[in-house]
Amino acid sequence: MITLEELRLILAECAGEEPEESAGEDFADRPFEELGYDSLVLLETSAQLKHRHGIDIPEDVIRESKSARAVLDHIRTTARPTATAAD
């Protein structure tokens, strides 16, 4: 299962940020819009979650997710790892 920190690092990487830029911020409930994460960042994050962790989140779900907590809640309640996980 993915942690909040792992998701934060993937989001930062997909946004082209240095991971330390958002370290320490309480970002779990901050809207992605406030963090500067647009739909392209979220779609890339979804692709990375599938590639790295085998977690498949439909495009419409990731685009409608408002915060990291919403993504984690979706993963915990519905997403199941696939056999194509990189790890």
N, C-alpha and C. Protein backbone atom coordinates (compact mmCIF):
# COMPACT_ATOMS: atom_id res chain seq x y z
N MET A 1 0.84 -1.19 0.00
CA MET A 1 0.00 0.00 0.00
C MET A 1 0.88 1.25 0.00
N ILE A 2 0.47 2.23 -0.69
CA ILE A 2 1.24 3.46 -0.81
C ILE A 2 0.99 4.37 0.41
N THR A 3 2.02 5.08 0.81
CA THR A 3 1.90 6.01 1.93
C THR A 3 1.68 7.42 1.41
N LEU A 4 1.29 8.29 2.31
CA LEU A 4 1.12 9.70 1.95
C LEU A 4 2.44 10.29 1.46
N GLU A 5 3.53 9.95 2.09
CA GLU A 5 4.84 10.47 1.68
C GLU A 5 5.19 9.98 0.28
N GLU A 6 4.94 8.72 -0.02
CA GLU A 6 5.23 8.20 -1.36
C GLU A 6 4.38 8.93 -2.40
N LEU A 7 3.12 9.17 -2.09
CA LEU A 7 2.26 9.90 -3.02
C LEU A 7 2.75 11.33 -3.19
N ARG A 8 3.17 11.96 -2.10
CA ARG A 8 3.70 13.32 -2.19
C ARG A 8 4.92 13.38 -3.11
N LEU A 9 5.81 12.42 -2.98
CA LEU A 9 7.01 12.39 -3.82
C LEU A 9 6.66 12.18 -5.29
N ILE A 10 5.71 11.31 -5.58
CA ILE A 10 5.30 11.07 -6.97
C ILE A 10 4.65 12.32 -7.54
N LEU A 11 3.78 12.97 -6.77
CA LEU A 11 3.14 14.20 -7.24
C LEU A 11 4.20 15.26 -7.54
N ALA A 12 5.15 15.43 -6.63
CA ALA A 12 6.20 16.43 -6.84
C ALA A 12 7.01 16.12 -8.09
N GLU A 13 7.36 14.86 -8.25
CA GLU A 13 8.13 14.45 -9.43
C GLU A 13 7.33 14.72 -10.71
N CYS A 14 6.08 14.39 -10.72
CA CYS A 14 5.24 14.58 -11.91
C CYS A 14 5.01 16.07 -12.20
N ALA A 15 5.10 16.90 -11.17
CA ALA A 15 4.95 18.35 -11.35
C ALA A 15 6.27 19.01 -11.72
N GLY A 16 7.36 18.24 -11.72
CA GLY A 16 8.66 18.79 -12.04
C GLY A 16 9.27 19.59 -10.90
N GLU A 17 8.83 19.28 -9.67
CA GLU A 17 9.34 19.97 -8.49
C GLU A 17 10.45 19.15 -7.85
N GLU A 18 11.26 19.83 -7.08
CA GLU A 18 12.19 19.11 -6.22
C GLU A 18 11.36 18.58 -5.06
N PRO A 19 11.52 17.33 -4.68
CA PRO A 19 10.70 16.75 -3.62
C PRO A 19 10.74 17.52 -2.31
N GLU A 20 11.85 18.19 -2.04
CA GLU A 20 11.98 18.92 -0.78
C GLU A 20 11.11 20.17 -0.76
N GLU A 21 10.70 20.66 -1.93
CA GLU A 21 9.93 21.90 -1.98
C GLU A 21 8.64 21.81 -1.18
N SER A 22 8.01 20.68 -1.17
CA SER A 22 6.75 20.56 -0.44
C SER A 22 6.89 19.73 0.82
N ALA A 23 8.12 19.31 1.14
CA ALA A 23 8.32 18.51 2.34
C ALA A 23 7.94 19.32 3.57
N GLY A 24 7.31 18.68 4.48
CA GLY A 24 6.95 19.33 5.73
C GLY A 24 5.63 20.07 5.67
N GLU A 25 5.14 20.35 4.48
CA GLU A 25 3.86 21.02 4.39
C GLU A 25 2.75 20.02 4.72
N ASP A 26 1.73 20.51 5.34
CA ASP A 26 0.58 19.66 5.59
C ASP A 26 -0.28 19.70 4.33
N PHE A 27 0.06 18.85 3.40
CA PHE A 27 -0.60 18.95 2.10
C PHE A 27 -1.69 17.91 1.90
N ALA A 28 -1.88 17.01 2.82
CA ALA A 28 -2.83 15.92 2.62
C ALA A 28 -4.23 16.42 2.26
N ASP A 29 -4.64 17.50 2.90
CA ASP A 29 -5.99 18.00 2.65
C ASP A 29 -6.02 19.27 1.81
N ARG A 30 -4.84 19.77 1.44
CA ARG A 30 -4.81 20.99 0.60
C ARG A 30 -5.25 20.63 -0.81
N PRO A 31 -6.12 21.43 -1.38
CA PRO A 31 -6.57 21.15 -2.75
C PRO A 31 -5.40 21.14 -3.73
N PHE A 32 -5.46 20.23 -4.67
CA PHE A 32 -4.41 20.15 -5.68
C PHE A 32 -4.25 21.47 -6.40
N GLU A 33 -5.35 22.16 -6.60
CA GLU A 33 -5.30 23.45 -7.29
C GLU A 33 -4.41 24.44 -6.53
N GLU A 34 -4.51 24.46 -5.20
CA GLU A 34 -3.66 25.34 -4.38
C GLU A 34 -2.20 24.94 -4.49
N LEU A 35 -1.95 23.65 -4.63
CA LEU A 35 -0.57 23.15 -4.71
C LEU A 35 0.01 23.33 -6.11
N GLY A 36 -0.83 23.74 -7.05
CA GLY A 36 -0.36 23.95 -8.42
C GLY A 36 -0.37 22.69 -9.26
N TYR A 37 -1.07 21.66 -8.82
CA TYR A 37 -1.14 20.41 -9.56
C TYR A 37 -2.36 20.41 -10.47
N ASP A 38 -2.12 20.46 -11.76
CA ASP A 38 -3.22 20.48 -12.72
C ASP A 38 -3.56 19.05 -13.17
N SER A 39 -4.49 18.95 -14.11
CA SER A 39 -4.95 17.63 -14.54
C SER A 39 -3.83 16.81 -15.18
N LEU A 40 -2.89 17.46 -15.84
CA LEU A 40 -1.78 16.71 -16.45
C LEU A 40 -0.91 16.07 -15.38
N VAL A 41 -0.65 16.81 -14.30
CA VAL A 41 0.13 16.25 -13.19
C VAL A 41 -0.62 15.06 -12.59
N LEU A 42 -1.91 15.19 -12.44
CA LEU A 42 -2.69 14.10 -11.84
C LEU A 42 -2.72 12.88 -12.75
N LEU A 43 -2.85 13.08 -14.05
CA LEU A 43 -2.83 11.94 -14.97
C LEU A 43 -1.48 11.25 -14.97
N GLU A 44 -0.40 12.03 -14.94
CA GLU A 44 0.94 11.43 -14.87
C GLU A 44 1.12 10.69 -13.55
N THR A 45 0.59 11.27 -12.48
CA THR A 45 0.65 10.59 -11.18
C THR A 45 -0.09 9.26 -11.23
N SER A 46 -1.23 9.25 -11.86
CA SER A 46 -1.99 8.01 -12.00
C SER A 46 -1.17 6.96 -12.77
N ALA A 47 -0.52 7.40 -13.84
CA ALA A 47 0.31 6.47 -14.62
C ALA A 47 1.47 5.94 -13.79
N GLN A 48 2.07 6.81 -12.98
CA GLN A 48 3.19 6.37 -12.14
C GLN A 48 2.72 5.42 -11.03
N LEU A 49 1.55 5.68 -10.49
CA LEU A 49 1.01 4.77 -9.47
C LEU A 49 0.80 3.38 -10.05
N LYS A 50 0.32 3.33 -11.29
CA LYS A 50 0.11 2.03 -11.94
C LYS A 50 1.43 1.35 -12.24
N HIS A 51 2.38 2.12 -12.76
CA HIS A 51 3.69 1.56 -13.12
C HIS A 51 4.46 1.08 -11.89
N ARG A 52 4.51 1.92 -10.87
CA ARG A 52 5.35 1.61 -9.71
C ARG A 52 4.69 0.69 -8.68
N HIS A 53 3.38 0.87 -8.52
CA HIS A 53 2.71 0.15 -7.43
C HIS A 53 1.59 -0.77 -7.91
N GLY A 54 1.31 -0.76 -9.21
CA GLY A 54 0.23 -1.60 -9.72
C GLY A 54 -1.15 -1.11 -9.32
N ILE A 55 -1.24 0.18 -8.97
CA ILE A 55 -2.51 0.75 -8.54
C ILE A 55 -3.16 1.44 -9.73
N ASP A 56 -4.33 0.96 -10.10
CA ASP A 56 -5.04 1.50 -11.27
C ASP A 56 -6.16 2.42 -10.82
N ILE A 57 -5.99 3.71 -11.09
CA ILE A 57 -7.02 4.69 -10.76
C ILE A 57 -7.56 5.23 -12.08
N PRO A 58 -8.87 5.09 -12.34
CA PRO A 58 -9.43 5.61 -13.59
C PRO A 58 -9.18 7.10 -13.74
N GLU A 59 -9.00 7.54 -15.00
CA GLU A 59 -8.69 8.95 -15.28
C GLU A 59 -9.73 9.89 -14.68
N ASP A 60 -11.00 9.54 -14.79
CA ASP A 60 -12.02 10.45 -14.28
C ASP A 60 -11.94 10.57 -12.76
N VAL A 61 -11.54 9.51 -12.09
CA VAL A 61 -11.44 9.54 -10.63
C VAL A 61 -10.26 10.41 -10.21
N ILE A 62 -9.11 10.24 -10.84
CA ILE A 62 -7.93 11.02 -10.43
C ILE A 62 -8.14 12.50 -10.76
N ARG A 63 -8.79 12.80 -11.89
CA ARG A 63 -9.03 14.21 -12.24
C ARG A 63 -10.03 14.87 -11.30
N GLU A 64 -10.95 14.11 -10.76
CA GLU A 64 -11.96 14.66 -9.86
C GLU A 64 -11.50 14.66 -8.40
N SER A 65 -10.39 14.03 -8.11
CA SER A 65 -9.86 14.02 -6.74
C SER A 65 -9.36 15.41 -6.41
N LYS A 66 -9.72 15.88 -5.24
CA LYS A 66 -9.37 17.26 -4.86
C LYS A 66 -8.10 17.36 -4.03
N SER A 67 -7.67 16.25 -3.42
CA SER A 67 -6.51 16.32 -2.53
C SER A 67 -5.82 14.95 -2.48
N ALA A 68 -4.62 14.96 -1.88
CA ALA A 68 -3.89 13.71 -1.72
C ALA A 68 -4.68 12.74 -0.84
N ARG A 69 -5.34 13.27 0.18
CA ARG A 69 -6.13 12.38 1.04
C ARG A 69 -7.24 11.70 0.23
N ALA A 70 -7.86 12.43 -0.69
CA ALA A 70 -8.92 11.84 -1.51
C ALA A 70 -8.36 10.70 -2.37
N VAL A 71 -7.16 10.89 -2.91
CA VAL A 71 -6.54 9.84 -3.72
C VAL A 71 -6.24 8.62 -2.85
N LEU A 72 -5.66 8.87 -1.67
CA LEU A 72 -5.35 7.74 -0.78
C LEU A 72 -6.62 7.03 -0.33
N ASP A 73 -7.66 7.79 -0.04
CA ASP A 73 -8.93 7.16 0.35
C ASP A 73 -9.47 6.27 -0.78
N HIS A 74 -9.36 6.75 -2.01
CA HIS A 74 -9.81 5.94 -3.15
C HIS A 74 -8.98 4.66 -3.24
N ILE A 75 -7.67 4.79 -3.11
CA ILE A 75 -6.79 3.62 -3.20
C ILE A 75 -7.14 2.61 -2.11
N ARG A 76 -7.33 3.11 -0.91
CA ARG A 76 -7.60 2.20 0.22
C ARG A 76 -8.95 1.50 0.11
N THR A 77 -9.90 2.13 -0.55
CA THR A 77 -11.23 1.54 -0.59
C THR A 77 -11.55 0.77 -1.87
N THR A 78 -10.89 1.14 -2.99
CA THR A 78 -11.29 0.50 -4.24
C THR A 78 -10.17 -0.06 -5.09
N ALA A 79 -9.03 0.60 -5.13
CA ALA A 79 -7.98 0.18 -6.06
C ALA A 79 -7.34 -1.12 -5.59
N ARG A 80 -7.06 -1.95 -6.51
CA ARG A 80 -6.39 -3.22 -6.23
C ARG A 80 -5.13 -3.27 -7.09
N PRO A 81 -4.01 -3.70 -6.50
CA PRO A 81 -2.80 -3.82 -7.31
C PRO A 81 -3.00 -4.80 -8.47
N THR A 82 -2.36 -4.49 -9.58
CA THR A 82 -2.41 -5.38 -10.74
C THR A 82 -1.10 -6.16 -10.82
N ALA A 83 -1.07 -7.13 -11.68
CA ALA A 83 0.13 -7.95 -11.83
C ALA A 83 1.24 -7.23 -12.57
N THR A 84 1.00 -6.01 -13.08
CA THR A 84 2.01 -5.30 -13.85
C THR A 84 2.83 -4.34 -13.00
N ALA A 85 2.70 -4.40 -11.68
CA ALA A 85 3.44 -3.50 -10.81
C ALA A 85 4.93 -3.66 -11.02
N ALA A 86 5.65 -2.52 -11.01
CA ALA A 86 7.09 -2.53 -11.22
C ALA A 86 7.83 -3.10 -10.02
N ASP A 87 7.21 -3.04 -8.86
CA ASP A 87 7.90 -3.57 -7.68
C ASP A 87 7.15 -4.67 -7.02
